[in-house]
Amino acid sequence: MSRQASRDTTQEIAVRRLLHASGLRYRVNFPVPGIRRRTIDIAFTRARIAVYLDGCFWHGCPEHATHPKANAEWWRAKLEKNMSRDRETTAHLESAGWRVLRFWEHDSR
């Protein structure tokens, strides 16, 4: 899993290029205020907008998520923990006055 890209994915780069071409400026992998070791994919800090571009497998997309058969219980727990962390991060940011936008990797850029 250490080889799995966690930042600068193809999806993130495509969205960032569109945003930059539109004249918008943002921060990349911005630390979540008040929570260590968590980042916001694309942050508009002055407007307090957090944009997340979630992968279907890692974040449990209801349409495209797959469930590995090998070591199934470990993977189920791992992916559930990812989704729980996403919910916790969203709730934390919203309570701090941020607007959180989450998009799936299959969504149109």
C-alpha atoms as a PDB file:
ATOM      1  CA  MET A   1       0.000   0.000   0.000  1.00  0.00           C
ATOM      2  CA  SER A   2       2.978   2.320   0.430  1.00  0.00           C
ATOM      3  CA  ARG A   3       3.242   2.440  -3.364  1.00  0.00           C
ATOM      4  CA  GLN A   4      -0.344   3.620  -3.691  1.00  0.00           C
ATOM      5  CA  ALA A   5      -0.524   7.275  -4.726  1.00  0.00           C
ATOM      6  CA  SER A   6      -2.098   9.339  -1.969  1.00  0.00           C
ATOM      7  CA  ARG A   7      -1.504  12.721  -3.541  1.00  0.00           C
ATOM      8  CA  ASP A   8      -1.116  14.191  -7.014  1.00  0.00           C
ATOM      9  CA  THR A   9      -3.354  11.559  -8.560  1.00  0.00           C
ATOM     10  CA  THR A  10      -4.408  11.911 -12.187  1.00  0.00           C
ATOM     11  CA  GLN A  11      -7.829  13.092 -11.048  1.00  0.00           C
ATOM     12  CA  GLU A  12      -6.392  15.708  -8.672  1.00  0.00           C
ATOM     13  CA  ILE A  13      -4.012  17.100 -11.268  1.00  0.00           C
ATOM     14  CA  ALA A  14      -6.798  17.376 -13.871  1.00  0.00           C
ATOM     15  CA  VAL A  15      -9.070  19.261 -11.459  1.00  0.00           C
ATOM     16  CA  ARG A  16      -6.256  21.524 -10.293  1.00  0.00           C
ATOM     17  CA  ARG A  17      -5.396  22.404 -13.887  1.00  0.00           C
ATOM     18  CA  LEU A  18      -9.021  23.369 -14.572  1.00  0.00           C
ATOM     19  CA  LEU A  19      -9.194  25.471 -11.409  1.00  0.00           C
ATOM     20  CA  HIS A  20      -5.900  27.220 -12.138  1.00  0.00           C
ATOM     21  CA  ALA A  21      -6.893  27.907 -15.764  1.00  0.00           C
ATOM     22  CA  SER A  22     -10.091  29.479 -14.428  1.00  0.00           C
ATOM     23  CA  GLY A  23      -8.016  31.915 -12.387  1.00  0.00           C
ATOM     24  CA  LEU A  24      -8.699  30.312  -9.014  1.00  0.00           C
ATOM     25  CA  ARG A  25      -5.874  29.969  -6.517  1.00  0.00           C
ATOM     26  CA  TYR A  26      -5.796  27.309  -3.844  1.00  0.00           C
ATOM     27  CA  ARG A  27      -3.570  25.307  -1.494  1.00  0.00           C
ATOM     28  CA  VAL A  28      -2.728  21.660  -2.150  1.00  0.00           C
ATOM     29  CA  ASN A  29      -2.639  19.029   0.631  1.00  0.00           C
ATOM     30  CA  PHE A  30      -3.412  21.694   3.212  1.00  0.00           C
ATOM     31  CA  PRO A  31      -3.324  20.438   6.838  1.00  0.00           C
ATOM     32  CA  VAL A  32      -6.739  20.031   8.445  1.00  0.00           C
ATOM     33  CA  PRO A  33      -6.842  22.627  11.247  1.00  0.00           C
ATOM     34  CA  GLY A  34      -6.964  20.894  14.611  1.00  0.00           C
ATOM     35  CA  ILE A  35      -6.375  17.317  13.409  1.00  0.00           C
ATOM     36  CA  ARG A  36      -2.869  15.977  12.957  1.00  0.00           C
ATOM     37  CA  ARG A  37      -1.844  13.875   9.966  1.00  0.00           C
ATOM     38  CA  ARG A  38      -4.878  14.764   7.833  1.00  0.00           C
ATOM     39  CA  THR A  39      -4.903  17.011   4.811  1.00  0.00           C
ATOM     40  CA  ILE A  40      -7.373  18.668   2.473  1.00  0.00           C
ATOM     41  CA  ASP A  41      -6.803  17.762  -1.201  1.00  0.00           C
ATOM     42  CA  ILE A  42      -7.601  21.277  -2.456  1.00  0.00           C
ATOM     43  CA  ALA A  43      -8.220  24.103  -0.002  1.00  0.00           C
ATOM     44  CA  PHE A  44      -9.528  27.588  -0.643  1.00  0.00           C
ATOM     45  CA  THR A  45      -8.360  28.940   2.702  1.00  0.00           C
ATOM     46  CA  ARG A  46      -9.880  32.426   2.613  1.00  0.00           C
ATOM     47  CA  ALA A  47     -13.285  31.119   1.580  1.00  0.00           C
ATOM     48  CA  ARG A  48     -12.889  28.113   3.920  1.00  0.00           C
ATOM     49  CA  ILE A  49     -13.773  25.573   1.259  1.00  0.00           C
ATOM     50  CA  ALA A  50     -12.276  22.079   1.403  1.00  0.00           C
ATOM     51  CA  VAL A  51     -12.398  19.914  -1.733  1.00  0.00           C
ATOM     52  CA  TYR A  52     -11.795  16.176  -1.539  1.00  0.00           C
ATOM     53  CA  LEU A  53     -11.382  13.931  -4.573  1.00  0.00           C
ATOM     54  CA  ASP A  54     -12.091  10.450  -3.234  1.00  0.00           C
ATOM     55  CA  GLY A  55     -11.104   7.213  -4.943  1.00  0.00           C
ATOM     56  CA  CYS A  56     -13.943   4.725  -5.344  1.00  0.00           C
ATOM     57  CA  PHE A  57     -12.081   1.766  -3.823  1.00  0.00           C
ATOM     58  CA  TRP A  58     -10.400   3.498  -0.883  1.00  0.00           C
ATOM     59  CA  HIS A  59     -13.383   5.588   0.194  1.00  0.00           C
ATOM     60  CA  GLY A  60     -16.241   3.145  -0.419  1.00  0.00           C
ATOM     61  CA  CYS A  61     -18.110   4.541  -3.412  1.00  0.00           C
ATOM     62  CA  PRO A  62     -21.676   3.151  -3.326  1.00  0.00           C
ATOM     63  CA  GLU A  63     -21.588   2.606  -7.114  1.00  0.00           C
ATOM     64  CA  HIS A  64     -18.090   1.302  -7.822  1.00  0.00           C
ATOM     65  CA  ALA A  65     -16.536   0.007  -4.612  1.00  0.00           C
ATOM     66  CA  THR A  66     -15.155  -3.510  -4.791  1.00  0.00           C
ATOM     67  CA  HIS A  67     -14.436  -5.871  -1.921  1.00  0.00           C
ATOM     68  CA  PRO A  68     -11.297  -8.018  -2.097  1.00  0.00           C
ATOM     69  CA  LYS A  69     -11.846 -11.712  -1.465  1.00  0.00           C
ATOM     70  CA  ALA A  70      -8.352 -12.418  -0.136  1.00  0.00           C
ATOM     71  CA  ASN A  71      -8.042 -11.342   3.497  1.00  0.00           C
ATOM     72  CA  ALA A  72     -11.613 -10.041   3.259  1.00  0.00           C
ATOM     73  CA  GLU A  73     -12.121  -9.255   6.960  1.00  0.00           C
ATOM     74  CA  TRP A  74      -8.960  -7.136   7.158  1.00  0.00           C
ATOM     75  CA  TRP A  75      -9.934  -5.195   4.031  1.00  0.00           C
ATOM     76  CA  ARG A  76     -13.495  -4.682   5.278  1.00  0.00           C
ATOM     77  CA  ALA A  77     -12.177  -3.184   8.532  1.00  0.00           C
ATOM     78  CA  LYS A  78      -9.590  -1.065   6.685  1.00  0.00           C
ATOM     79  CA  LEU A  79     -12.085   0.424   4.231  1.00  0.00           C
ATOM     80  CA  GLU A  80     -14.684   1.017   6.961  1.00  0.00           C
ATOM     81  CA  LYS A  81     -12.042   2.877   8.969  1.00  0.00           C
ATOM     82  CA  ASN A  82     -11.295   5.055   5.908  1.00  0.00           C
ATOM     83  CA  MET A  83     -14.974   5.945   5.530  1.00  0.00           C
ATOM     84  CA  SER A  84     -15.284   6.655   9.263  1.00  0.00           C
ATOM     85  CA  ARG A  85     -12.237   8.947   9.107  1.00  0.00           C
ATOM     86  CA  ASP A  86     -13.795  10.785   6.137  1.00  0.00           C
ATOM     87  CA  ARG A  87     -17.009  11.382   8.098  1.00  0.00           C
ATOM     88  CA  GLU A  88     -15.057  12.548  11.156  1.00  0.00           C
ATOM     89  CA  THR A  89     -12.919  14.943   9.108  1.00  0.00           C
ATOM     90  CA  THR A  90     -15.965  16.381   7.341  1.00  0.00           C
ATOM     91  CA  ALA A  91     -17.796  16.922  10.635  1.00  0.00           C
ATOM     92  CA  HIS A  92     -14.712  18.557  12.191  1.00  0.00           C
ATOM     93  CA  LEU A  93     -14.228  20.957   9.284  1.00  0.00           C
ATOM     94  CA  GLU A  94     -17.924  21.864   9.125  1.00  0.00           C
ATOM     95  CA  SER A  95     -17.992  22.590  12.857  1.00  0.00           C
ATOM     96  CA  ALA A  96     -14.989  24.884  12.316  1.00  0.00           C
ATOM     97  CA  GLY A  97     -16.901  26.851   9.671  1.00  0.00           C
ATOM     98  CA  TRP A  98     -15.543  25.179   6.530  1.00  0.00           C
ATOM     99  CA  ARG A  99     -17.656  24.053   3.607  1.00  0.00           C
ATOM    100  CA  VAL A 100     -16.662  20.531   2.546  1.00  0.00           C
ATOM    101  CA  LEU A 101     -17.127  19.299  -1.027  1.00  0.00           C
ATOM    102  CA  ARG A 102     -16.451  15.624  -1.801  1.00  0.00           C
ATOM    103  CA  PHE A 103     -16.291  14.207  -5.306  1.00  0.00           C
ATOM    104  CA  TRP A 104     -15.781  10.630  -6.485  1.00  0.00           C
ATOM    105  CA  GLU A 105     -13.029   9.761  -8.918  1.00  0.00           C
ATOM    106  CA  HIS A 106     -15.644   8.825 -11.548  1.00  0.00           C
ATOM    107  CA  ASP A 107     -17.363  12.242 -11.379  1.00  0.00           C
ATOM    108  CA  SER A 108     -16.866  14.528 -14.335  1.00  0.00           C
ATOM    109  CA  ARG A 109     -14.056  16.984 -13.791  1.00  0.00           C
END
